[in-house]
Protein backbone atom coordinates (compact mmCIF):
# COMPACT_ATOMS: atom_id res chain seq x y z
CA UNK A 1 28.63 -82.06 -14.16
CA UNK A 2 25.69 -83.37 -16.17
CA UNK A 3 22.67 -81.09 -16.30
CA UNK A 4 19.32 -81.73 -17.96
CA UNK A 5 16.84 -78.96 -18.62
CA UNK A 6 13.28 -79.65 -19.76
CA UNK A 7 11.20 -77.19 -21.75
CA UNK A 8 7.96 -77.05 -23.71
CA UNK A 9 5.44 -77.81 -21.00
CA UNK A 10 2.30 -75.89 -20.23
CA UNK A 11 -1.48 -75.98 -20.45
CA UNK A 12 -3.16 -77.68 -23.40
CA UNK A 13 -6.74 -78.68 -24.15
CA UNK A 14 -7.75 -82.35 -24.40
CA UNK A 15 -6.90 -83.65 -27.86
CA UNK A 16 -4.08 -81.17 -28.25
CA UNK A 17 -0.35 -81.66 -28.67
CA UNK A 18 2.85 -80.62 -26.97
CA UNK A 19 6.49 -81.33 -27.63
CA UNK A 20 8.82 -81.47 -24.67
CA UNK A 21 12.55 -81.03 -25.02
CA UNK A 22 15.34 -82.07 -22.68
CA UNK A 23 18.70 -80.44 -23.34
CA UNK A 24 21.82 -81.94 -21.82
CA UNK A 25 25.01 -80.18 -20.87
CA UNK A 26 28.19 -81.37 -19.24
CA UNK A 27 27.98 -84.67 -21.18
CA UNK A 28 29.99 -83.86 -24.26
CA UNK A 29 30.48 -86.33 -27.06
CA UNK A 30 29.30 -89.26 -24.92
CA UNK A 31 25.67 -88.10 -25.05
CA UNK A 32 25.16 -90.59 -27.87
CA UNK A 33 25.94 -93.42 -25.45
CA UNK A 34 23.21 -92.51 -22.98
CA UNK A 35 19.80 -94.09 -22.75
CA UNK A 36 17.36 -91.22 -22.46
CA UNK A 37 14.04 -91.59 -20.66
CA UNK A 38 10.96 -89.53 -19.97
CA UNK A 39 9.11 -90.09 -16.73
CA UNK A 40 6.02 -88.47 -15.31
CA UNK A 41 4.49 -88.15 -11.90
CA UNK A 42 0.91 -87.10 -11.40
CA UNK A 43 -0.17 -85.62 -8.11
CA UNK A 44 -0.66 -88.35 -5.54
CA UNK A 45 0.68 -91.07 -7.83
CA UNK A 46 3.97 -92.89 -8.25
CA UNK A 47 6.45 -91.91 -10.91
CA UNK A 48 5.82 -93.69 -14.21
CA UNK A 49 8.24 -94.42 -17.04
CA UNK A 50 6.65 -92.94 -20.13
CA UNK A 51 9.19 -93.59 -22.89
CA UNK A 52 12.83 -94.47 -23.46
CA UNK A 53 15.29 -94.35 -26.33
CA UNK A 54 18.60 -96.20 -26.31
CA UNK A 55 21.92 -95.21 -27.84
CA UNK A 56 21.00 -97.41 -30.82
CA UNK A 57 17.70 -95.63 -31.27
CA UNK A 58 15.46 -98.39 -29.93
CA UNK A 59 12.35 -97.09 -28.26
CA UNK A 60 9.76 -98.33 -25.82
CA UNK A 61 6.64 -96.79 -24.38
CA UNK A 62 4.22 -97.20 -21.54
CA UNK A 63 1.02 -98.84 -22.72
CA UNK A 64 -0.92 -95.75 -21.72
CA UNK A 65 0.89 -93.58 -24.30
CA UNK A 66 1.56 -96.01 -27.16
CA UNK A 67 0.39 -94.59 -30.46
CA UNK A 68 0.14 -91.07 -29.02
CA UNK A 69 3.65 -90.20 -27.83
CA UNK A 70 6.90 -90.38 -29.79
CA UNK A 71 10.36 -90.10 -28.28
CA UNK A 72 13.32 -89.02 -30.39
CA UNK A 73 16.83 -87.73 -29.93
CA UNK A 74 19.25 -85.40 -31.68
CA UNK A 75 22.74 -86.37 -30.62
CA UNK A 76 24.31 -83.36 -32.32
CA UNK A 77 22.14 -81.06 -30.20
CA UNK A 78 22.40 -83.30 -27.10
CA UNK A 79 18.64 -83.14 -26.84
CA UNK A 80 15.84 -85.65 -26.44
CA UNK A 81 12.25 -84.90 -27.34
CA UNK A 82 8.87 -86.33 -26.68
CA UNK A 83 6.03 -85.46 -29.03
CA UNK A 84 2.73 -85.86 -27.25
CA UNK A 85 -0.44 -85.99 -29.35
CA UNK A 86 -4.08 -86.63 -28.53
CA UNK A 87 -3.46 -85.52 -24.99
CA UNK A 88 -5.88 -86.57 -22.29
CA UNK A 89 -6.56 -85.10 -18.85
CA UNK A 90 -4.91 -88.17 -17.34
CA UNK A 91 -1.64 -87.16 -19.02
CA UNK A 92 -1.46 -84.23 -16.59
CA UNK A 93 1.76 -84.61 -14.60
CA UNK A 94 5.24 -83.31 -14.00
CA UNK A 95 7.42 -84.72 -16.77
CA UNK A 96 11.11 -85.32 -16.17
CA UNK A 97 13.89 -86.60 -18.36
CA UNK A 98 16.82 -88.74 -17.35
CA UNK A 99 20.13 -89.67 -18.92
CA UNK A 100 21.59 -93.04 -18.02
CA UNK A 101 24.96 -94.55 -18.86
CA UNK A 102 27.33 -95.34 -16.03
CA UNK A 103 24.97 -93.47 -13.73
CA UNK A 104 21.61 -91.80 -14.09
CA UNK A 105 21.05 -88.07 -14.08
CA UNK A 106 17.75 -86.22 -13.76
CA UNK A 107 16.22 -82.98 -14.84
CA UNK A 108 14.08 -80.80 -12.59
CA UNK A 109 10.85 -81.62 -14.36
CA UNK A 110 8.22 -79.57 -16.11
CA UNK A 111 4.47 -79.33 -15.64
CA UNK A 112 2.08 -80.52 -18.32
CA UNK A 113 -1.60 -79.81 -17.69
CA UNK A 114 -4.31 -81.14 -19.97
CA UNK A 115 -7.57 -79.39 -19.24
CA UNK A 116 -10.40 -77.56 -20.93
């Protein structure tokens, strides 16, 4: 059974940085085949795709985070990361990762709060 566990969230001041991690288990060697995505959902808003990285390492980002966020993956560690810099209050949300290949699997999500 595939499980995804996010970590690294918390409270940060505007302009600060955080790095979220999403560790996968139950995937095995095929982790490298998965497209990994980070989503976020702010209170009262719809879920938004933030960033994605394919098995080939291609990346794409929401316009709202381009130039500030960077997604990366470590296939040996079965982990995907998102480095978030120059954080703004509007980045406050629950961030979740997903792993998609033949089906999509989701983590529980982790809170990121950007506030002074």
